[in-house]
Amino acid sequence: MIRRALPHLCLVISVMILVFYGIDRVNHAMNFIGNPVFNTLLLVYALLVIALSVLAIVRDRRGS
């Protein structure tokens, strides 16, 4: 069961991280993320996890 839920959890968490990134870019006073290098790494990480999660969900649905 956790194997099927894990891609969905990764997808939800990645979207949350992207929302925090967007809020930080628009409203600097919130200062969710302060370092520009970390911002770039976080954006790349979130996009990769979203892609991997979508691929895993598609593969899982085709296997069932």
N, C-alpha and C. Protein backbone atom coordinates (compact mmCIF):
# COMPACT_ATOMS: atom_id res chain seq x y z
N MET A 1 0.82 -1.20 0.00
CA MET A 1 0.00 0.00 0.00
C MET A 1 0.86 1.26 0.00
N ILE A 2 1.92 1.26 0.80
CA ILE A 2 2.79 2.45 0.85
C ILE A 2 3.47 2.66 -0.50
N ARG A 3 3.71 1.58 -1.23
CA ARG A 3 4.35 1.69 -2.54
C ARG A 3 3.46 2.46 -3.52
N ARG A 4 2.15 2.27 -3.41
CA ARG A 4 1.23 2.99 -4.28
C ARG A 4 0.98 4.42 -3.80
N ALA A 5 1.09 4.66 -2.51
CA ALA A 5 0.82 5.98 -1.95
C ALA A 5 2.03 6.91 -2.05
N LEU A 6 3.23 6.34 -2.09
CA LEU A 6 4.44 7.16 -2.07
C LEU A 6 4.54 8.14 -3.24
N PRO A 7 4.27 7.73 -4.48
CA PRO A 7 4.33 8.73 -5.57
C PRO A 7 3.33 9.87 -5.39
N HIS A 8 2.15 9.56 -4.86
CA HIS A 8 1.15 10.60 -4.63
C HIS A 8 1.62 11.57 -3.55
N LEU A 9 2.22 11.02 -2.50
CA LEU A 9 2.74 11.88 -1.43
C LEU A 9 3.87 12.77 -1.95
N CYS A 10 4.76 12.21 -2.77
CA CYS A 10 5.84 13.00 -3.35
C CYS A 10 5.30 14.12 -4.22
N LEU A 11 4.27 13.81 -4.98
CA LEU A 11 3.67 14.81 -5.85
C LEU A 11 3.05 15.95 -5.04
N VAL A 12 2.33 15.63 -3.99
CA VAL A 12 1.71 16.66 -3.15
C VAL A 12 2.77 17.52 -2.46
N ILE A 13 3.79 16.88 -1.93
CA ILE A 13 4.85 17.64 -1.25
C ILE A 13 5.60 18.52 -2.24
N SER A 14 5.83 18.03 -3.43
CA SER A 14 6.51 18.83 -4.45
C SER A 14 5.71 20.06 -4.83
N VAL A 15 4.40 19.90 -4.96
CA VAL A 15 3.55 21.06 -5.28
C VAL A 15 3.60 22.07 -4.13
N MET A 16 3.60 21.57 -2.91
CA MET A 16 3.71 22.48 -1.75
C MET A 16 5.02 23.26 -1.80
N ILE A 17 6.11 22.57 -2.13
CA ILE A 17 7.41 23.24 -2.20
C ILE A 17 7.39 24.30 -3.30
N LEU A 18 6.78 23.99 -4.44
CA LEU A 18 6.69 24.98 -5.51
C LEU A 18 5.85 26.18 -5.10
N VAL A 19 4.81 25.96 -4.34
CA VAL A 19 3.99 27.08 -3.85
C VAL A 19 4.81 27.95 -2.90
N PHE A 20 5.55 27.32 -2.00
CA PHE A 20 6.42 28.09 -1.09
C PHE A 20 7.46 28.86 -1.88
N TYR A 21 8.01 28.26 -2.92
CA TYR A 21 8.98 28.94 -3.77
C TYR A 21 8.35 30.15 -4.44
N GLY A 22 7.14 29.99 -4.97
CA GLY A 22 6.45 31.10 -5.61
C GLY A 22 6.13 32.22 -4.65
N ILE A 23 5.68 31.87 -3.46
CA ILE A 23 5.40 32.89 -2.44
C ILE A 23 6.66 33.64 -2.06
N ASP A 24 7.76 32.91 -1.94
CA ASP A 24 9.03 33.54 -1.59
C ASP A 24 9.50 34.49 -2.68
N ARG A 25 9.23 34.14 -3.95
CA ARG A 25 9.64 35.01 -5.06
C ARG A 25 8.79 36.28 -5.11
N VAL A 26 7.51 36.19 -4.76
CA VAL A 26 6.60 37.33 -4.84
C VAL A 26 6.73 38.22 -3.60
N ASN A 27 6.75 37.61 -2.43
CA ASN A 27 6.78 38.36 -1.18
C ASN A 27 8.05 38.01 -0.42
N HIS A 28 9.06 38.83 -0.59
CA HIS A 28 10.37 38.55 0.01
C HIS A 28 10.35 38.69 1.54
N ALA A 29 9.37 39.40 2.07
CA ALA A 29 9.29 39.57 3.52
C ALA A 29 8.96 38.25 4.22
N MET A 30 8.30 37.33 3.51
CA MET A 30 7.99 36.03 4.11
C MET A 30 9.26 35.24 4.34
N ASN A 31 10.22 35.36 3.43
CA ASN A 31 11.54 34.76 3.53
C ASN A 31 11.49 33.27 3.89
N PHE A 32 10.69 32.51 3.12
CA PHE A 32 10.66 31.07 3.31
C PHE A 32 12.03 30.48 3.03
N ILE A 33 12.63 30.95 1.97
CA ILE A 33 13.91 30.44 1.52
C ILE A 33 14.79 31.65 1.25
N GLY A 34 15.93 31.70 1.90
CA GLY A 34 16.74 32.91 1.80
C GLY A 34 17.87 32.88 0.81
N ASN A 35 18.40 31.73 0.46
CA ASN A 35 19.59 31.64 -0.36
C ASN A 35 19.23 31.40 -1.83
N PRO A 36 19.75 32.19 -2.77
CA PRO A 36 19.42 32.00 -4.18
C PRO A 36 19.86 30.64 -4.74
N VAL A 37 20.97 30.14 -4.28
CA VAL A 37 21.43 28.82 -4.74
C VAL A 37 20.45 27.75 -4.27
N PHE A 38 20.02 27.85 -3.04
CA PHE A 38 19.05 26.89 -2.51
C PHE A 38 17.72 26.99 -3.25
N ASN A 39 17.32 28.20 -3.62
CA ASN A 39 16.09 28.38 -4.40
C ASN A 39 16.17 27.61 -5.72
N THR A 40 17.29 27.73 -6.41
CA THR A 40 17.45 27.05 -7.69
C THR A 40 17.45 25.53 -7.51
N LEU A 41 18.20 25.06 -6.53
CA LEU A 41 18.24 23.62 -6.27
C LEU A 41 16.88 23.08 -5.87
N LEU A 42 16.17 23.82 -5.08
CA LEU A 42 14.83 23.40 -4.65
C LEU A 42 13.86 23.33 -5.82
N LEU A 43 13.94 24.31 -6.72
CA LEU A 43 13.08 24.31 -7.90
C LEU A 43 13.37 23.10 -8.79
N VAL A 44 14.63 22.83 -9.03
CA VAL A 44 15.01 21.68 -9.86
C VAL A 44 14.55 20.39 -9.19
N TYR A 45 14.77 20.27 -7.89
CA TYR A 45 14.36 19.07 -7.16
C TYR A 45 12.85 18.85 -7.25
N ALA A 46 12.10 19.89 -7.04
CA ALA A 46 10.64 19.76 -7.06
C ALA A 46 10.14 19.36 -8.44
N LEU A 47 10.70 19.93 -9.49
CA LEU A 47 10.28 19.57 -10.85
C LEU A 47 10.64 18.12 -11.18
N LEU A 48 11.81 17.68 -10.73
CA LEU A 48 12.21 16.29 -10.97
C LEU A 48 11.32 15.32 -10.21
N VAL A 49 11.00 15.63 -8.98
CA VAL A 49 10.14 14.74 -8.19
C VAL A 49 8.74 14.68 -8.79
N ILE A 50 8.23 15.80 -9.29
CA ILE A 50 6.92 15.79 -9.94
C ILE A 50 6.95 14.88 -11.17
N ALA A 51 7.99 15.02 -11.98
CA ALA A 51 8.09 14.18 -13.18
C ALA A 51 8.19 12.71 -12.82
N LEU A 52 9.03 12.38 -11.85
CA LEU A 52 9.19 10.99 -11.45
C LEU A 52 7.92 10.43 -10.83
N SER A 53 7.22 11.23 -10.08
CA SER A 53 5.97 10.78 -9.47
C SER A 53 4.91 10.52 -10.52
N VAL A 54 4.79 11.40 -11.49
CA VAL A 54 3.81 11.20 -12.56
C VAL A 54 4.14 9.92 -13.34
N LEU A 55 5.41 9.71 -13.65
CA LEU A 55 5.80 8.50 -14.36
C LEU A 55 5.52 7.25 -13.54
N ALA A 56 5.78 7.29 -12.26
CA ALA A 56 5.52 6.14 -11.40
C ALA A 56 4.02 5.86 -11.29
N ILE A 57 3.21 6.91 -11.22
CA ILE A 57 1.75 6.73 -11.14
C ILE A 57 1.23 6.11 -12.44
N VAL A 58 1.70 6.59 -13.58
CA VAL A 58 1.28 6.04 -14.86
C VAL A 58 1.69 4.57 -14.96
N ARG A 59 2.93 4.27 -14.60
CA ARG A 59 3.42 2.90 -14.66
C ARG A 59 2.63 2.00 -13.73
N ASP A 60 2.30 2.48 -12.56
CA ASP A 60 1.54 1.69 -11.59
C ASP A 60 0.12 1.41 -12.08
N ARG A 61 -0.51 2.39 -12.70
CA ARG A 61 -1.88 2.21 -13.20
C ARG A 61 -1.92 1.26 -14.40
N ARG A 62 -0.89 1.26 -15.21
CA ARG A 62 -0.83 0.34 -16.35
C ARG A 62 -0.57 -1.08 -15.89
N GLY A 63 0.15 -1.23 -14.78
CA GLY A 63 0.47 -2.56 -14.26
C GLY A 63 -0.69 -3.22 -13.57
N SER A 64 -1.69 -2.44 -13.13
CA SER A 64 -2.83 -3.02 -12.40
C SER A 64 -3.87 -3.59 -13.32
